[in-house]
Protein backbone atom coordinates (compact mmCIF):
# COMPACT_ATOMS: atom_id res chain seq x y z
CA MET A 1 -25.34 -108.02 233.61
CA ILE A 2 -22.12 -110.01 233.96
CA LEU A 3 -21.77 -112.57 236.92
CA SER A 4 -18.42 -113.06 238.63
CA PRO A 5 -16.84 -116.50 238.72
CA VAL A 6 -17.72 -116.75 242.32
CA ASN A 7 -20.69 -115.79 244.36
CA LEU A 8 -20.75 -117.06 247.89
CA TYR A 9 -24.16 -115.79 248.64
CA GLY A 10 -26.14 -116.20 245.50
CA VAL A 11 -27.74 -113.57 243.31
CA ASP A 12 -30.99 -112.05 244.85
CA ILE A 13 -33.20 -110.41 242.09
CA LYS A 14 -36.39 -108.93 243.34
CA ASP A 15 -39.34 -110.89 242.22
CA PHE A 16 -37.26 -113.45 240.22
CA ASP A 17 -39.45 -116.22 241.44
CA LYS A 18 -42.50 -114.37 240.21
CA TYR A 19 -40.83 -113.77 236.81
CA ILE A 20 -40.28 -117.63 236.31
CA ASN A 21 -43.93 -118.17 237.44
CA PHE A 22 -44.96 -115.67 234.69
CA THR A 23 -42.86 -117.39 231.98
CA ASN A 24 -43.88 -120.84 233.19
CA ASN A 25 -47.54 -119.80 232.56
CA TYR A 26 -46.68 -118.25 229.12
CA LEU A 27 -45.01 -121.46 228.13
CA LYS A 28 -47.94 -123.68 229.42
CA GLU A 29 -50.62 -121.57 227.50
CA ILE A 30 -48.75 -121.91 224.24
CA GLN A 31 -47.51 -125.55 224.64
CA GLU A 32 -50.82 -126.88 225.93
CA THR A 33 -52.94 -125.46 223.11
CA LYS A 34 -54.48 -128.31 221.22
CA SER A 35 -52.75 -129.18 217.99
CA GLU A 36 -55.96 -129.58 216.13
CA ASP A 37 -56.73 -125.90 216.66
CA VAL A 38 -56.42 -124.26 213.27
CA ASN A 39 -54.98 -121.14 214.79
CA THR A 40 -52.10 -123.01 216.61
CA LEU A 41 -48.75 -122.38 215.05
CA THR A 42 -46.36 -125.30 215.61
CA ASN A 43 -42.74 -125.89 214.77
CA GLU A 44 -40.69 -129.06 214.86
CA ILE A 45 -37.61 -129.54 217.07
CA TYR A 46 -35.16 -132.47 216.71
CA LEU A 47 -33.14 -135.03 218.58
CA SER A 48 -29.40 -135.21 218.44
CA PHE A 49 -26.74 -137.88 218.59
CA TYR A 50 -24.96 -135.80 221.19
CA PRO A 51 -25.41 -136.97 224.86
CA ILE A 52 -28.73 -136.51 226.80
CA ALA A 53 -27.68 -133.45 228.52
CA LYS A 54 -27.11 -131.62 225.14
CA ASN A 55 -30.38 -133.05 223.84
CA ILE A 56 -32.03 -131.31 226.80
CA ARG A 57 -30.15 -128.03 225.92
CA PHE A 58 -30.93 -128.23 222.21
CA LEU A 59 -34.59 -128.93 222.62
CA SER A 60 -35.12 -126.26 225.34
CA SER A 61 -33.11 -123.70 223.22
CA TYR A 62 -35.19 -124.35 220.04
CA MET A 63 -38.35 -124.26 222.16
CA PHE A 64 -37.33 -120.81 223.44
CA LEU A 65 -37.13 -119.59 219.92
CA ASN A 66 -40.47 -121.06 219.10
CA LEU A 67 -41.99 -119.46 222.27
CA LEU A 68 -40.72 -115.95 221.13
CA HIS A 69 -43.01 -116.46 218.00
CA LYS A 70 -45.88 -117.90 219.97
CA LYS A 71 -45.34 -121.34 218.27
CA ARG A 72 -46.00 -124.54 219.96
CA SER A 73 -42.97 -127.09 219.87
CA ILE A 74 -43.37 -130.77 218.62
CA LEU A 75 -40.75 -133.35 218.14
CA GLY A 76 -40.14 -134.21 214.44
CA ASN A 77 -38.76 -137.52 213.25
CA ASN A 78 -35.85 -136.14 211.48
CA ALA A 79 -32.35 -135.67 212.91
CA ARG A 80 -31.14 -132.28 214.14
CA PRO A 81 -30.40 -130.49 210.87
CA GLY A 82 -27.09 -131.62 209.42
CA GLU A 83 -26.36 -134.35 211.87
CA ASP A 84 -27.39 -137.35 209.82
CA SER A 85 -24.99 -136.36 207.09
CA HIS A 86 -22.24 -135.48 209.55
CA TRP A 87 -22.63 -138.82 211.35
CA GLU A 88 -22.70 -140.99 208.33
CA HIS A 89 -20.36 -139.25 205.88
CA TYR A 90 -18.01 -137.30 208.05
CA CYS A 91 -17.76 -139.54 211.07
CA LYS A 92 -18.26 -142.78 208.96
CA ARG A 93 -20.66 -144.25 211.70
CA GLY A 94 -23.49 -145.63 209.42
CA SER A 95 -26.96 -144.35 209.62
CA TRP A 96 -28.02 -141.65 212.25
CA TYR A 97 -31.20 -143.72 212.68
CA PRO A 98 -32.50 -144.91 215.06
CA TRP A 99 -31.80 -142.37 217.76
CA LEU A 100 -28.65 -143.43 219.47
CA TRP A 101 -29.85 -143.06 223.08
CA THR A 102 -32.74 -145.58 222.81
CA ARG A 103 -31.00 -148.22 220.85
CA GLU A 104 -31.12 -150.71 223.69
CA LEU A 105 -34.48 -149.58 225.09
CA ILE A 106 -37.20 -149.36 222.42
CA GLU A 107 -38.01 -150.74 219.01
CA PRO A 108 -36.12 -148.84 216.26
CA THR A 109 -39.32 -148.27 214.30
CA LYS A 110 -40.89 -145.96 217.01
CA SER A 111 -41.38 -142.33 216.51
CA HIS A 112 -39.06 -139.80 218.08
CA GLU A 113 -41.91 -138.72 220.28
CA GLU A 114 -42.01 -142.33 221.67
CA MET A 115 -38.36 -142.57 222.00
CA TRP A 116 -38.05 -139.34 223.91
CA ASN A 117 -40.93 -140.51 226.13
CA VAL A 118 -38.87 -143.28 227.49
CA PHE A 119 -37.06 -140.66 229.45
CA PHE A 120 -39.23 -137.56 229.59
CA ASN A 121 -43.04 -136.63 229.15
CA SER A 122 -42.15 -133.26 227.50
CA PHE A 123 -43.17 -132.76 223.93
CA THR A 124 -45.41 -135.99 224.08
CA ARG A 125 -49.03 -136.75 224.58
CA HIS A 126 -48.12 -137.61 228.10
CA ALA A 127 -46.89 -134.15 228.92
CA ARG A 128 -48.40 -133.06 232.29
CA LYS A 129 -51.07 -130.37 232.25
CA ASN A 130 -49.85 -128.12 234.90
CA ILE A 131 -52.04 -125.65 237.04
CA LEU A 132 -51.21 -122.02 236.16
CA GLU A 133 -49.15 -120.19 238.81
CA ASN A 134 -50.82 -117.43 240.71
CA ASN A 135 -47.91 -115.51 242.23
CA ILE A 136 -46.67 -113.84 239.06
CA ALA A 137 -44.97 -110.65 237.76
CA GLN A 138 -44.05 -109.89 234.19
CA PRO A 139 -40.20 -109.67 233.81
CA ASP A 140 -38.63 -106.65 232.45
CA ASN A 141 -36.48 -106.77 229.30
CA LEU A 142 -33.43 -107.69 231.22
CA TYR A 143 -34.80 -110.79 232.65
CA MET A 144 -37.44 -111.88 230.23
CA ASN A 145 -35.38 -113.96 227.92
CA LEU A 146 -33.38 -115.65 230.72
CA CYS A 147 -36.63 -116.65 232.56
CA LEU A 148 -38.39 -117.76 229.42
CA TYR A 149 -35.29 -120.08 228.79
CA LEU A 150 -35.43 -121.31 232.23
CA SER A 151 -39.13 -122.22 231.85
CA SER A 152 -38.18 -124.08 228.66
CA ILE A 153 -35.50 -126.19 230.14
CA LEU A 154 -37.69 -126.92 233.09
CA TYR A 155 -40.50 -128.10 230.93
CA THR A 156 -38.03 -130.15 228.73
CA PHE A 157 -36.86 -131.95 231.94
CA ASP A 158 -40.29 -133.25 232.79
CA LEU A 159 -39.23 -136.87 233.81
CA SER A 160 -41.37 -139.92 232.70
CA ASP A 161 -43.03 -142.00 235.31
CA LYS A 162 -40.32 -144.54 235.07
CA TYR A 163 -37.63 -141.98 235.82
CA ASN A 164 -39.58 -140.37 238.62
CA TYR A 165 -39.91 -143.76 240.15
CA LEU A 166 -36.02 -144.25 239.79
CA MET A 167 -35.46 -140.85 241.35
CA LYS A 168 -37.44 -141.92 244.48
CA GLU A 169 -35.53 -145.21 244.65
CA TYR A 170 -32.25 -143.37 244.73
CA LYS A 171 -33.59 -140.89 247.41
CA TYR A 172 -34.57 -143.82 249.48
CA ILE A 173 -31.15 -145.49 249.14
CA MET A 174 -29.14 -142.28 249.71
CA ASN A 175 -31.40 -141.32 252.58
CA TRP A 176 -31.81 -137.98 251.00
CA PRO A 177 -32.85 -135.53 253.59
CA LYS A 178 -36.10 -133.54 253.21
CA ASN A 179 -35.95 -129.87 253.26
CA ALA A 180 -32.29 -129.77 253.72
CA ASN A 181 -29.85 -127.20 252.48
CA ILE A 182 -27.69 -129.24 249.95
CA LEU A 183 -24.70 -128.11 247.99
CA ALA A 184 -24.12 -129.85 244.55
CA VAL A 185 -20.55 -130.43 243.24
CA GLN A 186 -19.98 -131.71 239.77
CA ILE A 187 -16.57 -133.35 239.26
CA ARG A 188 -16.33 -134.81 235.92
CA ARG A 189 -13.56 -137.29 234.98
CA GLY A 190 -14.61 -140.39 232.99
CA GLU A 191 -13.83 -140.11 229.21
CA THR A 192 -12.26 -136.46 229.54
CA CYS A 193 -9.11 -137.23 231.44
CA THR A 194 -6.99 -140.01 232.81
CA LYS A 195 -7.17 -141.10 236.32
CA ASP A 196 -4.14 -139.17 237.47
CA CYS A 197 -5.52 -136.07 235.48
CA SER A 198 -2.06 -135.88 233.60
CA LYS A 199 -3.87 -136.00 230.28
CA THR A 200 -7.26 -134.32 229.54
CA ASP A 201 -9.24 -132.61 226.78
CA ARG A 202 -10.38 -129.66 228.94
CA SER A 203 -9.56 -127.67 232.07
CA THR A 204 -9.41 -130.16 234.99
CA TYR A 205 -9.04 -129.49 238.68
CA SER A 206 -7.66 -131.38 241.50
CA ILE A 207 -9.84 -132.67 244.36
CA ASP A 208 -7.89 -130.37 246.65
CA ASN A 209 -9.13 -127.44 244.45
CA TYR A 210 -12.73 -128.81 244.74
CA ILE A 211 -12.32 -129.14 248.55
CA LYS A 212 -11.13 -125.38 248.83
CA SER A 213 -14.18 -124.18 246.84
CA ILE A 214 -16.60 -126.33 249.02
CA ASN A 215 -14.94 -124.89 252.06
CA LYS A 216 -15.59 -121.39 250.82
CA LEU A 217 -19.32 -121.92 250.37
CA LEU A 218 -19.60 -123.85 253.66
CA GLU A 219 -18.08 -121.02 255.54
CA VAL A 220 -20.98 -118.65 254.76
CA ASN A 221 -23.85 -121.12 254.07
CA ASP A 222 -25.54 -123.51 256.30
CA TYR A 223 -25.12 -126.48 254.04
CA THR A 224 -25.88 -129.70 255.79
CA HIS A 225 -25.04 -132.10 252.98
CA ILE A 226 -22.95 -132.13 249.86
CA TYR A 227 -24.14 -133.98 246.76
CA ILE A 228 -21.31 -135.17 244.53
CA SER A 229 -22.04 -135.63 240.88
CA THR A 230 -19.20 -137.73 239.47
CA ASP A 231 -18.28 -140.56 237.09
CA SER A 232 -15.42 -141.55 239.36
CA ASN A 233 -15.33 -143.67 242.61
CA GLU A 234 -11.75 -142.25 243.30
CA GLU A 235 -12.90 -138.63 243.67
CA ILE A 236 -15.69 -139.71 246.25
CA ASP A 237 -13.09 -141.83 248.17
CA ILE A 238 -10.55 -139.06 248.34
CA ILE A 239 -13.11 -136.59 249.67
CA LYS A 240 -14.24 -139.04 252.26
CA GLU A 241 -10.68 -139.62 253.42
CA LYS A 242 -9.77 -135.92 253.46
CA GLN A 243 -13.05 -134.65 254.91
CA PRO A 244 -14.55 -137.46 256.97
CA THR A 245 -17.06 -135.17 258.77
CA TRP A 246 -18.86 -134.10 255.61
CA ASN A 247 -22.20 -135.54 254.92
CA LEU A 248 -21.84 -136.71 251.19
CA LEU A 249 -24.56 -137.88 248.93
CA TYR A 250 -24.17 -139.50 245.62
CA ILE A 251 -26.28 -141.79 243.42
CA PRO A 252 -25.79 -145.49 244.10
CA ILE A 253 -24.39 -146.78 240.85
CA ASP A 254 -21.34 -148.71 239.78
CA ARG A 255 -18.97 -146.01 238.40
CA THR A 256 -16.65 -148.54 237.07
CA LYS A 257 -19.15 -148.97 234.11
CA PHE A 258 -18.26 -145.38 232.92
CA PHE A 259 -15.88 -145.05 229.88
CA ARG A 260 -12.55 -144.01 231.12
CA MET A 261 -9.76 -142.15 229.21
CA GLU A 262 -6.51 -143.94 229.28
CA LYS A 263 -4.35 -142.33 226.54
CA THR A 264 -6.35 -140.12 224.25
CA PRO A 265 -9.95 -138.59 224.81
CA ILE A 266 -12.83 -140.88 224.31
CA ASP A 267 -15.70 -140.01 221.96
CA LEU A 268 -18.68 -140.89 224.14
CA GLU A 269 -21.19 -141.09 221.14
CA GLU A 270 -18.88 -143.39 219.22
CA PHE A 271 -18.19 -145.69 221.96
CA CYS A 272 -21.89 -145.97 222.75
CA ARG A 273 -22.63 -146.73 219.18
CA ILE A 274 -20.01 -149.59 219.29
CA GLU A 275 -21.16 -150.92 222.68
CA PRO A 276 -24.99 -150.05 222.80
CA ALA A 277 -25.58 -152.25 225.89
CA ARG A 278 -23.86 -149.46 227.88
CA ILE A 279 -26.28 -146.81 226.76
CA PRO A 280 -29.02 -147.34 229.54
CA PHE A 281 -26.33 -146.94 232.23
CA ILE A 282 -24.91 -143.86 230.64
CA VAL A 283 -28.33 -142.21 230.19
CA ASP A 284 -29.74 -143.19 233.61
CA SER A 285 -26.70 -141.82 235.53
CA ALA A 286 -26.81 -138.57 233.61
CA ILE A 287 -30.60 -138.02 234.17
CA ALA A 288 -30.17 -138.81 237.86
CA ASP A 289 -27.26 -136.45 238.31
CA LEU A 290 -29.02 -133.64 236.60
CA TYR A 291 -32.19 -134.12 238.74
CA PHE A 292 -30.16 -134.19 242.00
CA ILE A 293 -28.29 -131.21 241.09
CA SER A 294 -31.52 -129.36 240.51
CA GLN A 295 -32.72 -130.22 243.91
CA CYS A 296 -29.75 -128.55 245.57
CA LYS A 297 -29.37 -124.92 246.66
CA GLY A 298 -25.82 -124.31 245.52
CA TYR A 299 -23.40 -125.29 242.75
CA ILE A 300 -19.62 -125.87 242.05
CA SER A 301 -18.67 -126.96 238.66
CA THR A 302 -16.71 -126.14 235.40
CA LEU A 303 -19.53 -123.78 234.04
CA SER A 304 -17.41 -122.39 231.19
CA ASN A 305 -16.53 -125.57 229.45
CA SER A 306 -19.12 -128.27 230.18
CA GLU A 307 -22.66 -128.32 228.64
CA PHE A 308 -23.61 -130.87 231.33
CA SER A 309 -22.53 -128.54 233.96
CA LYS A 310 -24.50 -125.76 232.33
CA CYS A 311 -27.48 -127.91 232.00
CA GLY A 312 -27.42 -128.72 235.71
CA TRP A 313 -26.95 -125.19 236.65
CA TYR A 314 -29.91 -123.83 234.54
CA LEU A 315 -32.11 -126.64 235.93
CA GLN A 316 -31.20 -125.68 239.47
CA ILE A 317 -32.01 -122.00 238.81
CA ALA A 318 -35.27 -122.97 237.17
CA THR A 319 -36.29 -125.32 239.99
CA GLN A 320 -35.24 -123.18 243.05
CA LYS A 321 -36.29 -119.92 241.15
CA ARG A 322 -33.17 -118.29 242.45
CA ILE A 323 -29.46 -118.01 241.37
CA CYS A 324 -28.16 -119.93 244.38
CA PRO A 325 -24.43 -119.57 245.65
CA TYR A 326 -22.06 -120.90 242.94
CA ILE A 327 -18.39 -121.23 242.08
CA ASN A 328 -17.29 -121.57 238.51
CA MET A 329 -14.11 -123.61 238.73
CA ASN A 330 -12.83 -122.15 235.35
CA ASN A 331 -12.68 -118.67 237.13
CA GLU A 332 -14.32 -116.92 234.22
CA GLU A 333 -17.11 -114.49 234.29
CA ILE A 334 -20.63 -115.63 233.17
CA ASN A 335 -22.89 -113.51 231.00
CA LEU A 336 -26.04 -115.22 232.11
CA PHE A 337 -28.28 -112.27 230.75
CA ASP A 338 -27.15 -112.59 227.15
CA ILE A 339 -29.50 -115.08 225.76
CA ASN A 340 -27.02 -115.78 222.90
CA ASN A 341 -24.54 -117.10 225.60
CA VAL A 342 -27.31 -119.06 227.24
CA LEU A 343 -28.70 -121.02 224.23
CA LEU A 344 -27.19 -123.99 222.62
CA LEU A 345 -28.23 -124.11 218.95
């Protein structure tokens, strides 16, 4: 099943919510099996030097493969296979260890489980023991793999207490409306393009193009608010100026702290290695944007060329248990039901 680049009404699949409930239960039964049980099969999965969204995608993808073989996933203390050599010898960046994304947040001698637990409870001793869903239906072959992956990414994105509290703070500051119909729009600039978008390392679209896409979804959906996920203050200001009646939401952060491309693309991992004091801001903002995208009921983004965009979309589908209205700014079809196209390995 191939999805079109634009779906103004979303994709309604009969019993899709029950399918996800079923795979959520399947995951819980395997993942929550006691590790000391001699009959329990476990398999290690590994952290990456790539940004936090890709870590979520890697871990959830390898978890999916483990679930296919009824194996419980645990975090190993090695780097993702091949990364330590690539980082040290090809990139000339010194040792891969300790994990890049906690270098300013936790002692370097801690285990990868403890490092991951700074942000998430998944794959740790603090993982929440969830109650099994009652309203279930076993997916047929077309939907089983997709639903099992959606359950995997939802499990992986189980925020730690610290980050749950941070999300509550952001909701309070933004005056996040309860039970509202909110459209998420992801506009990435930062290290991927110059401020005038004249130089970029990927497909980039003007604010006018985003506004046209937003209007398409507003015309046929009763969205009351629009959540803007972006690393650029300028994009928010332009939307405010051109559409003053729109109710915009965006996390309250200082976007001047993001790395910004001037002449050539910026390697985010390398700059964070050189300037580790900026790591907490980079990770916090990414987690917050992914969380709030997941809480929305529609999505506009560059789904064909951004792993961050894909991560947000999969989390939204898993959370809402529905493929909500969406627009892929890349104007390319999406093969959501080919698991090889969904996984990041």
